[in-house]
Amino acid sequence: MATFRYEELKRVAMDVKAEFVSRGWLPVRKIRRKPRDKEKKNLLFTMAINRIDRYRPYRTERGVVLPYFKEK
């Protein structure tokens, strides 16, 4: 089984995304410059935790299933 480090994957993803944007395959997204307030951060965190609880990933013989992204 191959192991990957998060930093390596992050760097590769950034390089690939930059190439796709330069070729016009992906739209350019604006970067959020204004920091979020503490209340908004807590709300987003709570929403993420609720989503994970509701759509808990599970393993099958073919791999890991992420129900939140699964097509119906």
C-alpha atoms as a PDB file:
ATOM      1  CA  MET A   1       0.000   0.000   0.000  1.00  0.00           C
ATOM      2  CA  ALA A   2       1.377   3.392  -0.952  1.00  0.00           C
ATOM      3  CA  THR A   3       1.656   6.060   1.697  1.00  0.00           C
ATOM      4  CA  PHE A   4       1.388   9.752   0.996  1.00  0.00           C
ATOM      5  CA  ARG A   5       2.166  12.759   3.094  1.00  0.00           C
ATOM      6  CA  TYR A   6      -0.384  15.539   3.256  1.00  0.00           C
ATOM      7  CA  GLU A   7       2.173  18.225   2.365  1.00  0.00           C
ATOM      8  CA  GLU A   8       3.246  16.338  -0.775  1.00  0.00           C
ATOM      9  CA  LEU A   9      -0.346  15.867  -1.913  1.00  0.00           C
ATOM     10  CA  LYS A  10      -1.148  19.507  -1.186  1.00  0.00           C
ATOM     11  CA  ARG A  11       1.827  20.712  -3.257  1.00  0.00           C
ATOM     12  CA  VAL A  12       0.962  18.455  -6.201  1.00  0.00           C
ATOM     13  CA  ALA A  13      -2.699  19.514  -6.080  1.00  0.00           C
ATOM     14  CA  MET A  14      -1.724  23.186  -6.089  1.00  0.00           C
ATOM     15  CA  ASP A  15       0.582  22.671  -9.097  1.00  0.00           C
ATOM     16  CA  VAL A  16      -2.061  20.773 -11.059  1.00  0.00           C
ATOM     17  CA  LYS A  17      -4.771  23.308 -10.238  1.00  0.00           C
ATOM     18  CA  ALA A  18      -2.506  26.183 -11.327  1.00  0.00           C
ATOM     19  CA  GLU A  19      -1.847  24.407 -14.631  1.00  0.00           C
ATOM     20  CA  PHE A  20      -5.569  23.774 -15.216  1.00  0.00           C
ATOM     21  CA  VAL A  21      -6.392  27.429 -14.498  1.00  0.00           C
ATOM     22  CA  SER A  22      -3.660  28.601 -16.893  1.00  0.00           C
ATOM     23  CA  ARG A  23      -5.078  26.358 -19.645  1.00  0.00           C
ATOM     24  CA  GLY A  24      -8.601  27.630 -18.998  1.00  0.00           C
ATOM     25  CA  TRP A  25      -9.947  24.262 -17.835  1.00  0.00           C
ATOM     26  CA  LEU A  26     -10.877  25.648 -14.394  1.00  0.00           C
ATOM     27  CA  PRO A  27     -12.303  29.058 -13.556  1.00  0.00           C
ATOM     28  CA  VAL A  28     -10.219  31.386 -11.431  1.00  0.00           C
ATOM     29  CA  ARG A  29     -11.579  31.522  -7.877  1.00  0.00           C
ATOM     30  CA  LYS A  30     -11.272  34.543  -5.688  1.00  0.00           C
ATOM     31  CA  ILE A  31      -9.320  34.121  -2.467  1.00  0.00           C
ATOM     32  CA  ARG A  32     -11.037  35.169   0.734  1.00  0.00           C
ATOM     33  CA  ARG A  33      -8.896  37.927   2.234  1.00  0.00           C
ATOM     34  CA  LYS A  34     -11.173  38.990   5.086  1.00  0.00           C
ATOM     35  CA  PRO A  35     -10.856  36.711   8.131  1.00  0.00           C
ATOM     36  CA  ARG A  36     -14.013  35.083   9.436  1.00  0.00           C
ATOM     37  CA  ASP A  37     -15.308  36.103  12.836  1.00  0.00           C
ATOM     38  CA  LYS A  38     -15.289  33.561  15.671  1.00  0.00           C
ATOM     39  CA  GLU A  39     -19.066  33.034  15.592  1.00  0.00           C
ATOM     40  CA  LYS A  40     -19.033  32.205  11.868  1.00  0.00           C
ATOM     41  CA  LYS A  41     -16.087  29.799  12.324  1.00  0.00           C
ATOM     42  CA  ASN A  42     -17.937  27.979  15.096  1.00  0.00           C
ATOM     43  CA  LEU A  43     -21.084  27.749  12.966  1.00  0.00           C
ATOM     44  CA  LEU A  44     -19.158  26.297  10.007  1.00  0.00           C
ATOM     45  CA  PHE A  45     -17.412  23.814  12.303  1.00  0.00           C
ATOM     46  CA  THR A  46     -20.728  22.686  13.791  1.00  0.00           C
ATOM     47  CA  MET A  47     -22.231  22.278  10.308  1.00  0.00           C
ATOM     48  CA  ALA A  48     -19.233  20.149   9.226  1.00  0.00           C
ATOM     49  CA  ILE A  49     -19.497  17.911  12.306  1.00  0.00           C
ATOM     50  CA  ASN A  50     -23.244  17.444  11.750  1.00  0.00           C
ATOM     51  CA  ARG A  51     -22.614  16.519   8.116  1.00  0.00           C
ATOM     52  CA  ILE A  52     -19.990  13.937   9.099  1.00  0.00           C
ATOM     53  CA  ASP A  53     -22.349  12.437  11.688  1.00  0.00           C
ATOM     54  CA  ARG A  54     -25.172  12.240   9.156  1.00  0.00           C
ATOM     55  CA  TYR A  55     -23.085  10.942   6.220  1.00  0.00           C
ATOM     56  CA  ARG A  56     -20.540   8.738   7.980  1.00  0.00           C
ATOM     57  CA  PRO A  57     -18.013   7.109   5.582  1.00  0.00           C
ATOM     58  CA  TYR A  58     -17.821   3.318   5.538  1.00  0.00           C
ATOM     59  CA  ARG A  59     -15.585   0.621   4.036  1.00  0.00           C
ATOM     60  CA  THR A  60     -16.557  -1.950   1.448  1.00  0.00           C
ATOM     61  CA  GLU A  61     -14.516  -4.627  -0.310  1.00  0.00           C
ATOM     62  CA  ARG A  62     -13.902  -2.095  -3.126  1.00  0.00           C
ATOM     63  CA  GLY A  63     -12.759   0.775  -0.873  1.00  0.00           C
ATOM     64  CA  VAL A  64     -14.133   3.629   1.186  1.00  0.00           C
ATOM     65  CA  VAL A  65     -17.573   5.058   0.373  1.00  0.00           C
ATOM     66  CA  LEU A  66     -18.263   8.718   1.057  1.00  0.00           C
ATOM     67  CA  PRO A  67     -22.085   8.888   1.191  1.00  0.00           C
ATOM     68  CA  TYR A  68     -22.206  12.691   1.027  1.00  0.00           C
ATOM     69  CA  PHE A  69     -20.684  12.578  -2.483  1.00  0.00           C
ATOM     70  CA  LYS A  70     -22.400   9.369  -3.629  1.00  0.00           C
ATOM     71  CA  GLU A  71     -24.793   9.711  -6.546  1.00  0.00           C
ATOM     72  CA  LYS A  72     -28.301   8.493  -5.850  1.00  0.00           C
END
